[in-house]
Amino acid sequence: MSKLDQLQLISNDNIFYNGTCTLRHTTLDDVKRIGLSKYNEYLNILHLDVETFNDQFGSKFDSENISIFDILSNTGAMRDFLCEALSFFIVENVFYEPKYSAFKVDGDKTTNVLGIINRNNYSEIANGILQLNFIKDDEIAPEETKNSKLKNILKKFKKGRAKLAKSKTGDSNINIPNMISSIVAYGNNYNYENIWSLTVYQLYDLFFRLNVKTQLDITGLRWAAWGKDEFDFSVWYKDPTKK
């Protein structure tokens, strides 16, 4: 899998990815526009693999002979929803092309991209999208959907797995709405009017760094008053993604 570097992850710039499409950073305004439930549904389907599909649907697909792309693209409701999800995270127009059994990525004069998402590169594209949304391999959980056609499907996608909010640190308080409120309260520079321009990745990164700063401030005061042991002054710039 192609791993995006930290500079790409914390930036706002679109990323031409895998020679196929241009990934855009999802902002909090984007999430607000479609709703948190829909946003999580998009991430759910992009995170699905054959093993999880078999487990939740009672099927017996052989992951060595069939890909999750084959399964999703050959099922009408799932294929349409996958196309919708890809379209949300990709700058270019995305539509299913039956002739190639693949999704076609069709750019305009701005991006000048013409690519294909098929069984050979789908996992790579999905992984890039998940990275930009601060999600690792086992950090997705199902969310309820109001779409009756997809309701049962999406509920099964990640049944039995930990909820997305808890997957980051084991703390159910770490979710997008609560992190927004916390940063507005303690982050000084952000308020409920300007925070929506942050990307989802930036929100998580800022929250975890602010959390470290808060703890460090308290610990530092205690150490200055009563501490005798060595104090690690490098804690404030430690990379939270490497924990």
Protein backbone atom coordinates (compact mmCIF):
# COMPACT_ATOMS: atom_id res chain seq x y z
CA MET A 1 0.00 0.00 0.00
CA SER A 2 1.20 3.52 -0.76
CA LYS A 3 1.80 5.40 2.44
CA LEU A 4 1.19 9.13 2.41
CA ASP A 5 3.84 11.15 4.20
CA GLN A 6 3.06 13.34 7.18
CA LEU A 7 3.35 16.57 5.20
CA GLN A 8 0.73 15.35 2.72
CA LEU A 9 -1.55 14.26 5.55
CA ILE A 10 -1.55 17.54 7.46
CA SER A 11 -1.84 19.77 4.37
CA ASN A 12 -4.98 21.01 2.60
CA ASP A 13 -3.72 20.32 -0.91
CA ASN A 14 -5.33 17.76 -3.18
CA ILE A 15 -3.13 14.72 -3.78
CA PHE A 16 -2.68 13.02 -7.14
CA TYR A 17 -2.64 9.43 -5.98
CA ASN A 18 -1.41 6.19 -7.48
CA GLY A 19 -1.51 7.62 -10.99
CA THR A 20 -5.28 7.16 -10.97
CA CYS A 21 -7.17 9.98 -9.30
CA THR A 22 -6.90 13.08 -7.14
CA LEU A 23 -7.78 12.64 -3.48
CA ARG A 24 -9.15 15.63 -1.67
CA HIS A 25 -8.89 16.34 2.02
CA THR A 26 -12.26 16.07 3.72
CA THR A 27 -12.97 19.20 5.73
CA LEU A 28 -15.25 19.48 8.73
CA ASP A 29 -17.51 21.60 6.55
CA ASP A 30 -17.77 18.65 4.13
CA VAL A 31 -18.74 16.33 6.98
CA LYS A 32 -21.28 18.84 8.27
CA ARG A 33 -22.77 19.16 4.79
CA ILE A 34 -23.51 15.44 4.33
CA GLY A 35 -23.93 14.55 8.00
CA LEU A 36 -21.73 12.48 10.31
CA SER A 37 -23.75 9.30 9.77
CA LYS A 38 -23.33 9.41 5.99
CA TYR A 39 -19.63 10.24 6.34
CA ASN A 40 -19.09 7.18 8.53
CA GLU A 41 -21.06 5.02 6.10
CA TYR A 42 -18.71 6.06 3.30
CA LEU A 43 -15.70 5.11 5.41
CA ASN A 44 -17.31 1.80 6.36
CA ILE A 45 -17.70 0.56 2.82
CA LEU A 46 -14.19 1.67 1.87
CA HIS A 47 -12.79 -0.25 4.82
CA LEU A 48 -14.60 -3.51 4.09
CA ASP A 49 -12.53 -6.58 3.22
CA VAL A 50 -13.44 -10.10 2.06
CA GLU A 51 -12.91 -11.69 5.48
CA THR A 52 -15.22 -9.22 7.19
CA PHE A 53 -17.78 -9.61 4.43
CA ASN A 54 -17.78 -13.40 4.90
CA ASP A 55 -18.05 -13.05 8.65
CA GLN A 56 -20.98 -10.67 8.59
CA PHE A 57 -22.94 -12.05 5.64
CA GLY A 58 -22.29 -15.74 6.16
CA SER A 59 -20.72 -16.06 2.73
CA LYS A 60 -17.69 -18.16 1.84
CA PHE A 61 -15.77 -16.13 -0.68
CA ASP A 62 -12.15 -17.16 -1.08
CA SER A 63 -10.04 -14.04 -0.57
CA GLU A 64 -7.27 -15.56 -2.68
CA ASN A 65 -9.51 -15.81 -5.73
CA ILE A 66 -11.87 -12.87 -5.32
CA SER A 67 -11.38 -9.32 -4.14
CA ILE A 68 -13.71 -7.14 -2.13
CA PHE A 69 -13.95 -4.97 -5.25
CA ASP A 70 -15.38 -7.94 -7.19
CA ILE A 71 -18.03 -8.50 -4.53
CA LEU A 72 -19.06 -4.86 -4.17
CA SER A 73 -19.00 -3.99 -7.87
CA ASN A 74 -21.23 -6.94 -8.77
CA THR A 75 -23.98 -6.03 -6.31
CA GLY A 76 -26.23 -3.21 -7.49
CA ALA A 77 -26.94 -1.40 -4.19
CA MET A 78 -23.39 -1.80 -2.92
CA ARG A 79 -21.87 -0.73 -6.24
CA ASP A 80 -23.98 2.43 -6.34
CA PHE A 81 -23.12 3.29 -2.76
CA LEU A 82 -19.42 2.61 -3.33
CA CYS A 83 -19.51 4.94 -6.33
CA GLU A 84 -21.14 7.58 -4.14
CA ALA A 85 -18.44 7.16 -1.49
CA LEU A 86 -15.59 7.35 -3.99
CA SER A 87 -17.13 10.44 -5.56
CA PHE A 88 -17.15 12.17 -2.19
CA PHE A 89 -13.43 11.68 -1.57
CA ILE A 90 -12.16 12.04 -5.15
CA VAL A 91 -11.93 15.35 -7.01
CA GLU A 92 -12.75 13.97 -10.47
CA ASN A 93 -16.08 12.58 -11.62
CA VAL A 94 -16.44 8.88 -10.78
CA PHE A 95 -18.91 6.54 -12.45
CA TYR A 96 -19.22 2.83 -13.07
CA GLU A 97 -18.31 1.61 -16.53
CA PRO A 98 -19.87 -1.84 -17.19
CA LYS A 99 -17.71 -2.28 -20.27
CA TYR A 100 -14.59 -2.46 -18.10
CA SER A 101 -16.23 -3.76 -14.90
CA ALA A 102 -14.56 -0.81 -13.20
CA PHE A 103 -15.11 2.76 -12.04
CA LYS A 104 -13.98 5.41 -14.47
CA VAL A 105 -12.29 8.54 -13.14
CA ASP A 106 -12.97 11.38 -15.53
CA GLY A 107 -11.28 14.73 -14.88
CA ASP A 108 -11.85 18.14 -16.41
CA LYS A 109 -9.46 20.77 -17.73
CA THR A 110 -8.40 21.52 -14.14
CA THR A 111 -7.19 18.05 -13.16
CA ASN A 112 -6.76 16.50 -16.64
CA VAL A 113 -7.01 13.02 -15.13
CA LEU A 114 -8.45 9.95 -16.79
CA GLY A 115 -8.08 6.81 -14.74
CA ILE A 116 -9.69 3.49 -13.89
CA ILE A 117 -10.41 2.03 -10.46
CA ASN A 118 -10.63 -1.74 -10.72
CA ARG A 119 -9.84 -4.89 -8.77
CA ASN A 120 -6.12 -4.27 -9.22
CA ASN A 121 -5.90 -0.85 -7.61
CA TYR A 122 -9.09 -0.41 -5.60
CA SER A 123 -7.55 -1.38 -2.25
CA GLU A 124 -4.75 1.12 -2.87
CA ILE A 125 -7.22 3.94 -3.54
CA ALA A 126 -9.38 3.06 -0.54
CA ASN A 127 -6.32 2.92 1.70
CA GLY A 128 -5.23 6.39 0.60
CA ILE A 129 -8.66 7.79 1.43
CA LEU A 130 -8.64 6.15 4.85
CA GLN A 131 -5.19 7.55 5.62
CA LEU A 132 -6.42 11.07 4.88
CA ASN A 133 -9.24 10.54 7.35
CA PHE A 134 -6.94 9.46 10.19
CA ILE A 135 -8.02 5.84 9.98
CA LYS A 136 -5.87 2.75 10.24
CA ASP A 137 -6.69 -0.79 9.13
CA ASP A 138 -8.92 -1.79 12.06
CA GLU A 139 -10.53 1.51 12.94
CA ILE A 140 -13.97 1.47 11.33
CA ALA A 141 -17.34 0.63 12.80
CA PRO A 142 -20.90 0.56 11.42
CA GLU A 143 -23.26 3.48 11.68
CA GLU A 144 -27.01 3.52 11.25
CA THR A 145 -28.31 4.74 7.93
CA LYS A 146 -31.72 6.11 7.01
CA ASN A 147 -31.46 4.58 3.56
CA SER A 148 -33.73 1.52 3.83
CA LYS A 149 -32.11 -0.18 0.83
CA LEU A 150 -28.69 -0.17 2.44
CA LYS A 151 -29.66 -0.26 6.10
CA ASN A 152 -29.19 -3.99 6.68
CA ILE A 153 -26.07 -4.14 4.50
CA LEU A 154 -24.29 -1.29 6.24
CA LYS A 155 -25.22 -2.53 9.71
CA LYS A 156 -23.47 -5.80 8.92
CA PHE A 157 -20.34 -4.26 7.42
CA LYS A 158 -18.52 -3.99 10.72
CA LYS A 159 -20.84 -5.74 13.15
CA GLY A 160 -19.13 -6.69 16.36
CA ARG A 161 -16.18 -4.33 15.94
CA ALA A 162 -15.36 -1.46 18.28
CA LYS A 163 -17.05 1.83 17.49
CA LEU A 164 -15.08 4.34 15.46
CA ALA A 165 -14.92 6.83 18.32
CA LYS A 166 -13.38 4.30 20.68
CA SER A 167 -10.99 2.82 18.16
CA LYS A 168 -8.60 5.74 18.30
CA THR A 169 -7.72 5.58 21.98
CA GLY A 170 -10.32 3.42 23.66
CA ASP A 171 -12.19 6.59 24.70
CA SER A 172 -15.73 7.03 23.39
CA ASN A 173 -15.42 10.79 24.00
CA ILE A 174 -13.04 11.05 21.07
CA ASN A 175 -15.45 11.70 18.23
CA ILE A 176 -15.65 14.52 15.72
CA PRO A 177 -18.38 16.65 17.37
CA ASN A 178 -16.81 16.41 20.82
CA MET A 179 -13.31 17.13 19.50
CA ILE A 180 -14.65 20.23 17.74
CA SER A 181 -16.20 21.48 20.98
CA SER A 182 -13.06 20.71 22.98
CA ILE A 183 -10.74 22.51 20.58
CA VAL A 184 -13.04 25.53 20.47
CA ALA A 185 -13.02 25.62 24.28
CA TYR A 186 -9.27 25.16 24.77
CA GLY A 187 -7.57 25.74 21.45
CA ASN A 188 -7.67 29.57 21.61
CA ASN A 189 -7.42 30.18 17.85
CA TYR A 190 -10.57 28.34 16.78
CA ASN A 191 -14.23 29.13 17.27
CA TYR A 192 -17.48 27.73 15.93
CA GLU A 193 -17.21 29.93 12.85
CA ASN A 194 -13.69 29.19 11.59
CA ILE A 195 -13.04 25.61 12.72
CA TRP A 196 -14.95 24.10 9.78
CA SER A 197 -12.08 24.78 7.40
CA LEU A 198 -9.92 22.20 9.20
CA THR A 199 -9.56 18.84 7.51
CA VAL A 200 -10.58 15.72 9.42
CA TYR A 201 -6.93 14.71 9.70
CA GLN A 202 -5.96 18.13 11.01
CA LEU A 203 -8.74 17.93 13.60
CA TYR A 204 -7.43 14.65 15.02
CA ASP A 205 -3.82 15.80 14.88
CA LEU A 206 -4.63 19.10 16.60
CA PHE A 207 -6.76 17.41 19.24
CA PHE A 208 -4.11 14.86 20.23
CA ARG A 209 -1.39 17.51 20.32
CA LEU A 210 -3.57 19.81 22.39
CA ASN A 211 -4.22 16.90 24.74
CA VAL A 212 -0.47 16.35 25.15
CA LYS A 213 0.08 20.08 25.73
CA THR A 214 -2.59 20.21 28.44
CA GLN A 215 -1.06 17.27 30.29
CA LEU A 216 2.45 18.62 29.81
CA ASP A 217 1.50 22.03 31.23
CA ILE A 218 0.16 20.42 34.40
CA THR A 219 3.05 17.99 34.75
CA GLY A 220 5.57 20.76 34.08
CA LEU A 221 4.17 22.93 36.86
CA ARG A 222 4.33 20.05 39.30
CA TRP A 223 7.89 19.21 38.24
CA ALA A 224 9.00 22.85 38.58
CA ALA A 225 7.66 22.96 42.12
CA TRP A 226 8.57 19.54 43.49
CA GLY A 227 10.30 17.51 40.79
CA LYS A 228 13.74 16.02 41.32
CA ASP A 229 13.92 13.49 38.49
CA GLU A 230 14.86 14.24 34.90
CA PHE A 231 12.03 15.82 32.89
CA ASP A 232 11.53 14.86 29.24
CA PHE A 233 11.20 18.21 27.52
CA SER A 234 10.79 16.51 24.13
CA VAL A 235 7.31 15.22 24.96
CA TRP A 236 5.62 18.26 23.42
CA TYR A 237 6.82 17.47 19.90
CA LYS A 238 6.49 13.66 19.93
CA ASP A 239 4.56 12.35 16.91
CA PRO A 240 1.14 11.09 18.17
CA THR A 241 0.72 8.88 15.10
CA LYS A 242 3.66 6.71 16.17
CA LYS A 243 2.11 5.66 19.47
